[in-house]
Amino acid sequence: MTEPALDRLDRAILRQLQTDGRTTCDMLGVQIGLSASAVLRRIKKLEDSGVIDRYVALLKPEALGLGLMAYVNVRLQKQASHAKRSPMDEFCASVHTWPEVVECVALTGEMDFLLRLVIQDMNEYSRFMMNTLLRHPAVQDCKTSFVMDRVKTTTALPIDV
């Protein structure tokens, strides 16, 4: 897959949309020196090429009563004689059904996956671990770290000028 060529104006549009996805084409045009229709064409091209993946609302976890965030390192069994799928495939399919897991990445090194959990409290963490994650047949070991303070949280990617 080839990387789309982005010029200075495309990058300016992307930076602003990452800051405020509801910015109008008129406002963007004024900021970067293009007409609203030219901005709209560029945005459409960025969407069609897959540079812009989707638009979302970012929610504040604490405002929804989700006051605990944890990172869980997971090591899987290497073989699973009981399953038709590999332990990795079985685990990945399950992760998609767990709403507490807001991010899951495969890792190199000692552990296989890192899960980011956003949950209500320690009771919910315990329930998830004991009733869901540790009961999964592919899971061999887990190690959890709890977030004490979010020093930096952003969804914005670094875009060069």
N, C-alpha and C. Protein backbone atom coordinates (compact mmCIF):
# COMPACT_ATOMS: atom_id res chain seq x y z
N MET A 1 0.85 -1.18 0.00
CA MET A 1 0.00 0.00 0.00
C MET A 1 0.89 1.24 0.00
N THR A 2 0.70 2.10 -0.95
CA THR A 2 1.52 3.29 -1.04
C THR A 2 0.94 4.41 -0.19
N GLU A 3 1.84 5.19 0.35
CA GLU A 3 1.45 6.32 1.18
C GLU A 3 1.02 7.47 0.29
N PRO A 4 -0.18 8.05 0.53
CA PRO A 4 -0.62 9.17 -0.30
C PRO A 4 0.28 10.39 -0.09
N ALA A 5 0.51 11.12 -1.16
CA ALA A 5 1.31 12.34 -1.07
C ALA A 5 0.46 13.44 -0.44
N LEU A 6 0.95 13.98 0.66
CA LEU A 6 0.23 15.05 1.35
C LEU A 6 1.04 16.33 1.25
N ASP A 7 0.40 17.38 0.78
CA ASP A 7 1.10 18.66 0.71
C ASP A 7 0.84 19.46 1.99
N ARG A 8 1.38 20.66 2.02
CA ARG A 8 1.28 21.54 3.19
C ARG A 8 -0.18 21.80 3.57
N LEU A 9 -1.05 21.98 2.57
CA LEU A 9 -2.46 22.29 2.84
C LEU A 9 -3.19 21.07 3.39
N ASP A 10 -2.92 19.88 2.84
CA ASP A 10 -3.52 18.66 3.37
C ASP A 10 -3.15 18.48 4.84
N ARG A 11 -1.88 18.70 5.14
CA ARG A 11 -1.41 18.53 6.52
C ARG A 11 -2.06 19.56 7.45
N ALA A 12 -2.24 20.77 6.97
CA ALA A 12 -2.90 21.80 7.78
C ALA A 12 -4.36 21.41 8.05
N ILE A 13 -5.02 20.89 7.04
CA ILE A 13 -6.41 20.42 7.20
C ILE A 13 -6.46 19.30 8.24
N LEU A 14 -5.56 18.33 8.12
CA LEU A 14 -5.55 17.20 9.04
C LEU A 14 -5.26 17.64 10.48
N ARG A 15 -4.30 18.55 10.65
CA ARG A 15 -4.00 19.04 12.00
C ARG A 15 -5.23 19.68 12.63
N GLN A 16 -5.94 20.51 11.85
CA GLN A 16 -7.11 21.18 12.40
C GLN A 16 -8.25 20.20 12.68
N LEU A 17 -8.47 19.25 11.80
CA LEU A 17 -9.53 18.27 12.02
C LEU A 17 -9.24 17.39 13.24
N GLN A 18 -7.96 17.13 13.51
CA GLN A 18 -7.61 16.35 14.70
C GLN A 18 -7.88 17.15 15.97
N THR A 19 -7.79 18.46 15.88
CA THR A 19 -8.07 19.33 17.02
C THR A 19 -9.57 19.50 17.21
N ASP A 20 -10.29 19.71 16.09
CA ASP A 20 -11.74 19.91 16.13
C ASP A 20 -12.35 19.32 14.87
N GLY A 21 -12.87 18.12 14.97
CA GLY A 21 -13.45 17.43 13.83
C GLY A 21 -14.72 18.06 13.31
N ARG A 22 -15.26 19.01 14.05
CA ARG A 22 -16.48 19.69 13.61
C ARG A 22 -16.21 21.04 12.95
N THR A 23 -14.93 21.34 12.74
CA THR A 23 -14.57 22.58 12.05
C THR A 23 -15.20 22.57 10.66
N THR A 24 -15.82 23.66 10.28
CA THR A 24 -16.46 23.73 8.97
C THR A 24 -15.43 23.96 7.87
N CYS A 25 -15.81 23.63 6.66
CA CYS A 25 -14.93 23.89 5.52
C CYS A 25 -14.68 25.38 5.35
N ASP A 26 -15.68 26.19 5.66
CA ASP A 26 -15.50 27.65 5.61
C ASP A 26 -14.41 28.09 6.59
N MET A 27 -14.49 27.62 7.83
CA MET A 27 -13.50 28.00 8.83
C MET A 27 -12.11 27.49 8.45
N LEU A 28 -12.04 26.26 7.97
CA LEU A 28 -10.75 25.72 7.53
C LEU A 28 -10.18 26.53 6.39
N GLY A 29 -11.02 26.88 5.46
CA GLY A 29 -10.58 27.67 4.31
C GLY A 29 -9.97 29.00 4.71
N VAL A 30 -10.62 29.68 5.65
CA VAL A 30 -10.10 30.95 6.14
C VAL A 30 -8.73 30.75 6.79
N GLN A 31 -8.58 29.69 7.57
CA GLN A 31 -7.33 29.43 8.29
C GLN A 31 -6.17 29.11 7.36
N ILE A 32 -6.44 28.38 6.26
CA ILE A 32 -5.33 27.94 5.42
C ILE A 32 -5.27 28.63 4.05
N GLY A 33 -6.25 29.49 3.78
CA GLY A 33 -6.21 30.27 2.55
C GLY A 33 -6.76 29.55 1.33
N LEU A 34 -7.81 28.78 1.52
CA LEU A 34 -8.50 28.10 0.41
C LEU A 34 -9.99 28.39 0.49
N SER A 35 -10.66 28.17 -0.62
CA SER A 35 -12.12 28.28 -0.61
C SER A 35 -12.70 27.06 0.11
N ALA A 36 -13.92 27.20 0.59
CA ALA A 36 -14.58 26.09 1.28
C ALA A 36 -14.72 24.89 0.35
N SER A 37 -15.02 25.14 -0.92
CA SER A 37 -15.19 24.02 -1.86
C SER A 37 -13.85 23.30 -2.10
N ALA A 38 -12.74 24.03 -2.13
CA ALA A 38 -11.43 23.40 -2.29
C ALA A 38 -11.08 22.56 -1.06
N VAL A 39 -11.43 23.06 0.12
CA VAL A 39 -11.20 22.31 1.36
C VAL A 39 -12.03 21.04 1.34
N LEU A 40 -13.30 21.15 0.95
CA LEU A 40 -14.17 19.99 0.89
C LEU A 40 -13.62 18.93 -0.07
N ARG A 41 -13.13 19.35 -1.24
CA ARG A 41 -12.55 18.40 -2.19
C ARG A 41 -11.34 17.68 -1.58
N ARG A 42 -10.51 18.43 -0.89
CA ARG A 42 -9.33 17.83 -0.27
C ARG A 42 -9.74 16.85 0.84
N ILE A 43 -10.72 17.21 1.64
CA ILE A 43 -11.18 16.31 2.71
C ILE A 43 -11.74 15.03 2.10
N LYS A 44 -12.53 15.16 1.07
CA LYS A 44 -13.09 13.98 0.39
C LYS A 44 -11.97 13.08 -0.13
N LYS A 45 -10.94 13.68 -0.72
CA LYS A 45 -9.79 12.91 -1.22
C LYS A 45 -9.07 12.20 -0.06
N LEU A 46 -8.93 12.88 1.07
CA LEU A 46 -8.29 12.29 2.25
C LEU A 46 -9.12 11.15 2.82
N GLU A 47 -10.43 11.27 2.77
CA GLU A 47 -11.32 10.19 3.21
C GLU A 47 -11.24 9.01 2.25
N ASP A 48 -11.32 9.29 0.96
CA ASP A 48 -11.31 8.22 -0.05
C ASP A 48 -9.99 7.44 -0.04
N SER A 49 -8.89 8.13 0.24
CA SER A 49 -7.58 7.46 0.25
C SER A 49 -7.32 6.72 1.55
N GLY A 50 -8.19 6.88 2.55
CA GLY A 50 -8.02 6.19 3.82
C GLY A 50 -7.18 6.93 4.84
N VAL A 51 -6.71 8.13 4.51
CA VAL A 51 -5.95 8.92 5.48
C VAL A 51 -6.87 9.30 6.64
N ILE A 52 -8.07 9.77 6.33
CA ILE A 52 -9.10 10.00 7.35
C ILE A 52 -9.90 8.71 7.45
N ASP A 53 -9.80 8.08 8.59
CA ASP A 53 -10.44 6.78 8.79
C ASP A 53 -11.92 6.91 9.14
N ARG A 54 -12.22 7.80 10.11
CA ARG A 54 -13.61 7.99 10.54
C ARG A 54 -13.67 9.21 11.45
N TYR A 55 -14.88 9.62 11.77
CA TYR A 55 -15.12 10.73 12.68
C TYR A 55 -15.80 10.19 13.93
N VAL A 56 -15.36 10.64 15.10
CA VAL A 56 -15.92 10.15 16.35
C VAL A 56 -16.07 11.30 17.35
N ALA A 57 -16.86 11.06 18.38
CA ALA A 57 -16.91 11.96 19.54
C ALA A 57 -16.04 11.33 20.62
N LEU A 58 -15.16 12.11 21.22
CA LEU A 58 -14.31 11.61 22.30
C LEU A 58 -15.01 11.90 23.62
N LEU A 59 -15.22 10.86 24.40
CA LEU A 59 -15.97 10.97 25.64
C LEU A 59 -15.02 11.02 26.83
N LYS A 60 -15.43 11.71 27.87
CA LYS A 60 -14.65 11.80 29.09
C LYS A 60 -15.05 10.63 29.99
N PRO A 61 -14.15 9.68 30.24
CA PRO A 61 -14.53 8.49 31.02
C PRO A 61 -15.11 8.82 32.39
N GLU A 62 -14.51 9.78 33.08
CA GLU A 62 -14.98 10.13 34.43
C GLU A 62 -16.42 10.65 34.41
N ALA A 63 -16.80 11.34 33.36
CA ALA A 63 -18.17 11.87 33.26
C ALA A 63 -19.19 10.76 33.09
N LEU A 64 -18.72 9.58 32.72
CA LEU A 64 -19.60 8.43 32.55
C LEU A 64 -19.46 7.42 33.68
N GLY A 65 -18.76 7.82 34.74
CA GLY A 65 -18.59 6.92 35.88
C GLY A 65 -17.53 5.85 35.65
N LEU A 66 -16.67 6.06 34.68
CA LEU A 66 -15.61 5.09 34.37
C LEU A 66 -14.30 5.66 34.89
N GLY A 67 -14.08 5.50 36.19
CA GLY A 67 -12.97 6.16 36.86
C GLY A 67 -11.69 5.37 36.96
N LEU A 68 -11.65 4.15 36.45
CA LEU A 68 -10.45 3.33 36.59
C LEU A 68 -9.95 2.90 35.21
N MET A 69 -8.67 3.12 34.99
CA MET A 69 -8.05 2.67 33.74
C MET A 69 -6.90 1.76 34.12
N ALA A 70 -6.79 0.65 33.40
CA ALA A 70 -5.72 -0.30 33.67
C ALA A 70 -5.15 -0.81 32.35
N TYR A 71 -3.87 -1.14 32.39
CA TYR A 71 -3.20 -1.79 31.26
C TYR A 71 -2.89 -3.21 31.71
N VAL A 72 -3.33 -4.16 30.91
CA VAL A 72 -3.14 -5.57 31.26
C VAL A 72 -2.29 -6.24 30.18
N ASN A 73 -1.12 -6.73 30.60
CA ASN A 73 -0.28 -7.53 29.71
C ASN A 73 -0.79 -8.96 29.77
N VAL A 74 -0.97 -9.58 28.60
CA VAL A 74 -1.53 -10.92 28.53
C VAL A 74 -0.56 -11.84 27.78
N ARG A 75 -0.30 -13.00 28.36
CA ARG A 75 0.47 -14.04 27.69
C ARG A 75 -0.50 -15.19 27.39
N LEU A 76 -0.44 -15.68 26.17
CA LEU A 76 -1.33 -16.76 25.75
C LEU A 76 -0.64 -18.11 25.81
N GLN A 77 -1.47 -19.15 25.89
CA GLN A 77 -0.98 -20.52 25.72
C GLN A 77 -0.45 -20.64 24.30
N LYS A 78 0.59 -21.39 24.12
CA LYS A 78 1.15 -21.52 22.77
C LYS A 78 0.41 -22.57 21.95
N GLN A 79 -0.17 -23.53 22.59
CA GLN A 79 -0.93 -24.58 21.91
C GLN A 79 -2.29 -24.72 22.58
N ALA A 80 -3.28 -25.03 21.77
CA ALA A 80 -4.62 -25.25 22.32
C ALA A 80 -5.22 -26.46 21.63
N SER A 81 -5.18 -27.60 22.31
CA SER A 81 -5.69 -28.83 21.70
C SER A 81 -7.21 -28.86 21.65
N HIS A 82 -7.86 -28.04 22.49
CA HIS A 82 -9.32 -28.04 22.57
C HIS A 82 -9.98 -27.21 21.46
N ALA A 83 -9.21 -26.34 20.82
CA ALA A 83 -9.81 -25.39 19.89
C ALA A 83 -9.46 -25.71 18.45
N LYS A 84 -10.37 -25.34 17.56
CA LYS A 84 -10.11 -25.48 16.13
C LYS A 84 -9.25 -24.33 15.63
N ARG A 85 -9.33 -23.19 16.31
CA ARG A 85 -8.53 -22.02 15.93
C ARG A 85 -7.30 -21.94 16.82
N SER A 86 -6.32 -21.16 16.39
CA SER A 86 -5.14 -20.95 17.22
C SER A 86 -5.53 -20.14 18.45
N PRO A 87 -4.75 -20.25 19.53
CA PRO A 87 -5.06 -19.45 20.72
C PRO A 87 -5.12 -17.95 20.41
N MET A 88 -4.24 -17.50 19.52
CA MET A 88 -4.22 -16.08 19.17
C MET A 88 -5.51 -15.67 18.47
N ASP A 89 -5.95 -16.46 17.50
CA ASP A 89 -7.20 -16.15 16.79
C ASP A 89 -8.40 -16.19 17.74
N GLU A 90 -8.41 -17.18 18.61
CA GLU A 90 -9.50 -17.33 19.58
C GLU A 90 -9.54 -16.13 20.53
N PHE A 91 -8.37 -15.70 21.00
CA PHE A 91 -8.29 -14.57 21.90
C PHE A 91 -8.72 -13.28 21.20
N CYS A 92 -8.21 -13.05 20.01
CA CYS A 92 -8.56 -11.83 19.26
C CYS A 92 -10.07 -11.74 19.01
N ALA A 93 -10.68 -12.85 18.68
CA ALA A 93 -12.13 -12.85 18.45
C ALA A 93 -12.87 -12.49 19.74
N SER A 94 -12.40 -12.99 20.86
CA SER A 94 -13.05 -12.70 22.14
C SER A 94 -12.90 -11.24 22.55
N VAL A 95 -11.72 -10.69 22.34
CA VAL A 95 -11.45 -9.30 22.74
C VAL A 95 -12.47 -8.35 22.13
N HIS A 96 -12.87 -8.62 20.89
CA HIS A 96 -13.84 -7.75 20.21
C HIS A 96 -15.21 -7.74 20.90
N THR A 97 -15.47 -8.70 21.75
CA THR A 97 -16.77 -8.76 22.43
C THR A 97 -16.73 -8.18 23.84
N TRP A 98 -15.57 -7.75 24.30
CA TRP A 98 -15.42 -7.25 25.67
C TRP A 98 -15.44 -5.72 25.67
N PRO A 99 -16.52 -5.09 26.09
CA PRO A 99 -16.61 -3.62 26.03
C PRO A 99 -15.61 -2.92 26.96
N GLU A 100 -15.15 -3.58 28.01
CA GLU A 100 -14.18 -2.97 28.92
C GLU A 100 -12.84 -2.71 28.23
N VAL A 101 -12.54 -3.51 27.20
CA VAL A 101 -11.28 -3.38 26.48
C VAL A 101 -11.47 -2.34 25.38
N VAL A 102 -10.83 -1.18 25.55
CA VAL A 102 -10.97 -0.12 24.56
C VAL A 102 -9.81 -0.12 23.57
N GLU A 103 -8.77 -0.86 23.88
CA GLU A 103 -7.65 -0.99 22.95
C GLU A 103 -6.93 -2.30 23.24
N CYS A 104 -6.52 -2.97 22.19
CA CYS A 104 -5.77 -4.21 22.30
C CYS A 104 -4.70 -4.20 21.21
N VAL A 105 -3.46 -4.37 21.62
CA VAL A 105 -2.37 -4.42 20.66
C VAL A 105 -1.56 -5.69 20.87
N ALA A 106 -1.09 -6.27 19.77
CA ALA A 106 -0.19 -7.42 19.83
C ALA A 106 1.22 -6.89 20.03
N LEU A 107 1.98 -7.59 20.85
CA LEU A 107 3.31 -7.13 21.23
C LEU A 107 4.40 -8.12 20.82
N THR A 108 5.61 -7.60 20.73
CA THR A 108 6.78 -8.47 20.67
C THR A 108 7.26 -8.63 22.11
N GLY A 109 8.11 -9.59 22.34
CA GLY A 109 8.68 -9.75 23.67
C GLY A 109 7.98 -10.80 24.50
N GLU A 110 8.08 -10.63 25.81
CA GLU A 110 7.64 -11.62 26.78
C GLU A 110 6.11 -11.85 26.76
N MET A 111 5.34 -10.78 26.63
CA MET A 111 3.88 -10.89 26.64
C MET A 111 3.36 -10.78 25.22
N ASP A 112 2.16 -11.30 24.99
CA ASP A 112 1.61 -11.35 23.63
C ASP A 112 0.73 -10.15 23.29
N PHE A 113 -0.02 -9.65 24.29
CA PHE A 113 -0.97 -8.56 24.04
C PHE A 113 -0.93 -7.57 25.20
N LEU A 114 -1.30 -6.34 24.88
CA LEU A 114 -1.52 -5.32 25.90
C LEU A 114 -2.94 -4.81 25.72
N LEU A 115 -3.72 -4.90 26.78
CA LEU A 115 -5.11 -4.43 26.77
C LEU A 115 -5.19 -3.14 27.58
N ARG A 116 -5.96 -2.20 27.08
CA ARG A 116 -6.28 -1.00 27.86
C ARG A 116 -7.73 -1.14 28.28
N LEU A 117 -7.95 -1.19 29.58
CA LEU A 117 -9.30 -1.31 30.13
C LEU A 117 -9.76 0.04 30.66
N VAL A 118 -10.99 0.38 30.40
CA VAL A 118 -11.63 1.54 31.03
C VAL A 118 -12.86 0.99 31.73
N ILE A 119 -12.85 1.11 33.06
CA ILE A 119 -13.88 0.47 33.87
C ILE A 119 -14.31 1.38 35.02
N GLN A 120 -15.39 0.99 35.66
CA GLN A 120 -15.97 1.81 36.71
C GLN A 120 -15.07 1.89 37.94
N ASP A 121 -14.68 0.74 38.46
CA ASP A 121 -13.94 0.72 39.72
C ASP A 121 -13.24 -0.62 39.89
N MET A 122 -12.62 -0.81 41.05
CA MET A 122 -11.88 -2.03 41.33
C MET A 122 -12.79 -3.26 41.33
N ASN A 123 -14.03 -3.12 41.76
CA ASN A 123 -14.96 -4.25 41.73
C ASN A 123 -15.21 -4.71 40.30
N GLU A 124 -15.38 -3.76 39.39
CA GLU A 124 -15.58 -4.11 37.98
C GLU A 124 -14.32 -4.72 37.38
N TYR A 125 -13.16 -4.22 37.78
CA TYR A 125 -11.90 -4.80 37.33
C TYR A 125 -11.83 -6.27 37.78
N SER A 126 -12.10 -6.49 39.04
CA SER A 126 -12.04 -7.85 39.58
C SER A 126 -13.02 -8.77 38.86
N ARG A 127 -14.24 -8.28 38.64
CA ARG A 127 -15.24 -9.08 37.94
C ARG A 127 -14.76 -9.44 36.54
N PHE A 128 -14.23 -8.46 35.80
CA PHE A 128 -13.75 -8.71 34.45
C PHE A 128 -12.60 -9.72 34.45
N MET A 129 -11.66 -9.53 35.36
CA MET A 129 -10.50 -10.43 35.40
C MET A 129 -10.92 -11.85 35.75
N MET A 130 -11.69 -12.00 36.80
CA MET A 130 -12.04 -13.34 37.30
C MET A 130 -13.07 -14.05 36.42
N ASN A 131 -14.04 -13.32 35.90
CA ASN A 131 -15.12 -13.96 35.15
C ASN A 131 -14.90 -13.99 33.65
N THR A 132 -13.99 -13.19 33.15
CA THR A 132 -13.83 -13.09 31.70
C THR A 132 -12.41 -13.42 31.27
N LEU A 133 -11.47 -12.55 31.60
CA LEU A 133 -10.12 -12.70 31.06
C LEU A 133 -9.42 -13.97 31.55
N LEU A 134 -9.39 -14.20 32.83
CA LEU A 134 -8.67 -15.36 33.36
C LEU A 134 -9.37 -16.68 33.08
N ARG A 135 -10.63 -16.62 32.72
CA ARG A 135 -11.35 -17.84 32.33
C ARG A 135 -11.21 -18.16 30.85
N HIS A 136 -10.62 -17.25 30.10
CA HIS A 136 -10.46 -17.51 28.67
C HIS A 136 -9.46 -18.65 28.49
N PRO A 137 -9.80 -19.67 27.70
CA PRO A 137 -8.93 -20.84 27.57
C PRO A 137 -7.55 -20.56 26.96
N ALA A 138 -7.40 -19.47 26.24
CA ALA A 138 -6.11 -19.17 25.62
C ALA A 138 -5.18 -18.40 26.54
N VAL A 139 -5.70 -17.84 27.63
CA VAL A 139 -4.89 -16.99 28.50
C VAL A 139 -4.07 -17.84 29.47
N GLN A 140 -2.77 -17.57 29.47
CA GLN A 140 -1.86 -18.27 30.39
C GLN A 140 -1.53 -17.40 31.60
N ASP A 141 -1.26 -16.10 31.37
CA ASP A 141 -0.80 -15.24 32.44
C ASP A 141 -1.19 -13.79 32.14
N CYS A 142 -1.39 -13.00 33.19
CA CYS A 142 -1.71 -11.57 33.06
C CYS A 142 -0.95 -10.79 34.10
N LYS A 143 -0.58 -9.57 33.74
CA LYS A 143 0.03 -8.63 34.68
C LYS A 143 -0.62 -7.27 34.44
N THR A 144 -1.12 -6.67 35.52
CA THR A 144 -1.87 -5.42 35.40
C THR A 144 -1.12 -4.25 36.02
N SER A 145 -1.20 -3.12 35.35
CA SER A 145 -0.74 -1.84 35.90
C SER A 145 -1.92 -0.88 35.86
N PHE A 146 -2.15 -0.18 36.97
CA PHE A 146 -3.25 0.77 37.06
C PHE A 146 -2.75 2.18 36.78
N VAL A 147 -3.55 2.95 36.09
CA VAL A 147 -3.20 4.32 35.78
C VAL A 147 -3.49 5.18 37.00
N MET A 148 -2.47 5.88 37.47
CA MET A 148 -2.63 6.78 38.61
C MET A 148 -3.00 8.18 38.14
N ASP A 149 -2.40 8.61 37.00
CA ASP A 149 -2.67 9.93 36.47
C ASP A 149 -2.39 9.90 34.97
N ARG A 150 -3.26 10.53 34.21
CA ARG A 150 -3.02 10.64 32.76
C ARG A 150 -2.24 11.92 32.52
N VAL A 151 -0.98 11.78 32.20
CA VAL A 151 -0.10 12.92 31.99
C VAL A 151 -0.35 13.53 30.62
N LYS A 152 -0.54 12.69 29.62
CA LYS A 152 -0.85 13.17 28.27
C LYS A 152 -1.79 12.17 27.62
N THR A 153 -2.87 12.68 27.10
CA THR A 153 -3.81 11.85 26.36
C THR A 153 -4.19 12.59 25.09
N THR A 154 -3.94 11.98 23.96
CA THR A 154 -4.30 12.61 22.70
C THR A 154 -4.63 11.53 21.68
N THR A 155 -5.46 11.88 20.75
CA THR A 155 -5.70 11.00 19.61
C THR A 155 -5.02 11.55 18.37
N ALA A 156 -4.45 12.76 18.50
CA ALA A 156 -3.83 13.42 17.36
C ALA A 156 -2.49 12.80 17.01
N LEU A 157 -2.31 12.51 15.74
CA LEU A 157 -1.03 11.98 15.26
C LEU A 157 -0.12 13.15 14.91
N PRO A 158 1.21 12.97 15.05
CA PRO A 158 2.13 14.06 14.70
C PRO A 158 2.19 14.22 13.18
N ILE A 159 1.81 15.39 12.71
CA ILE A 159 1.78 15.68 11.27
C ILE A 159 2.76 16.79 11.00
N ASP A 160 3.79 16.48 10.21
CA ASP A 160 4.79 17.49 9.86
C ASP A 160 4.22 18.50 8.88
N VAL A 161 4.81 19.68 8.89
CA VAL A 161 4.42 20.72 7.93
C VAL A 161 5.17 20.49 6.65
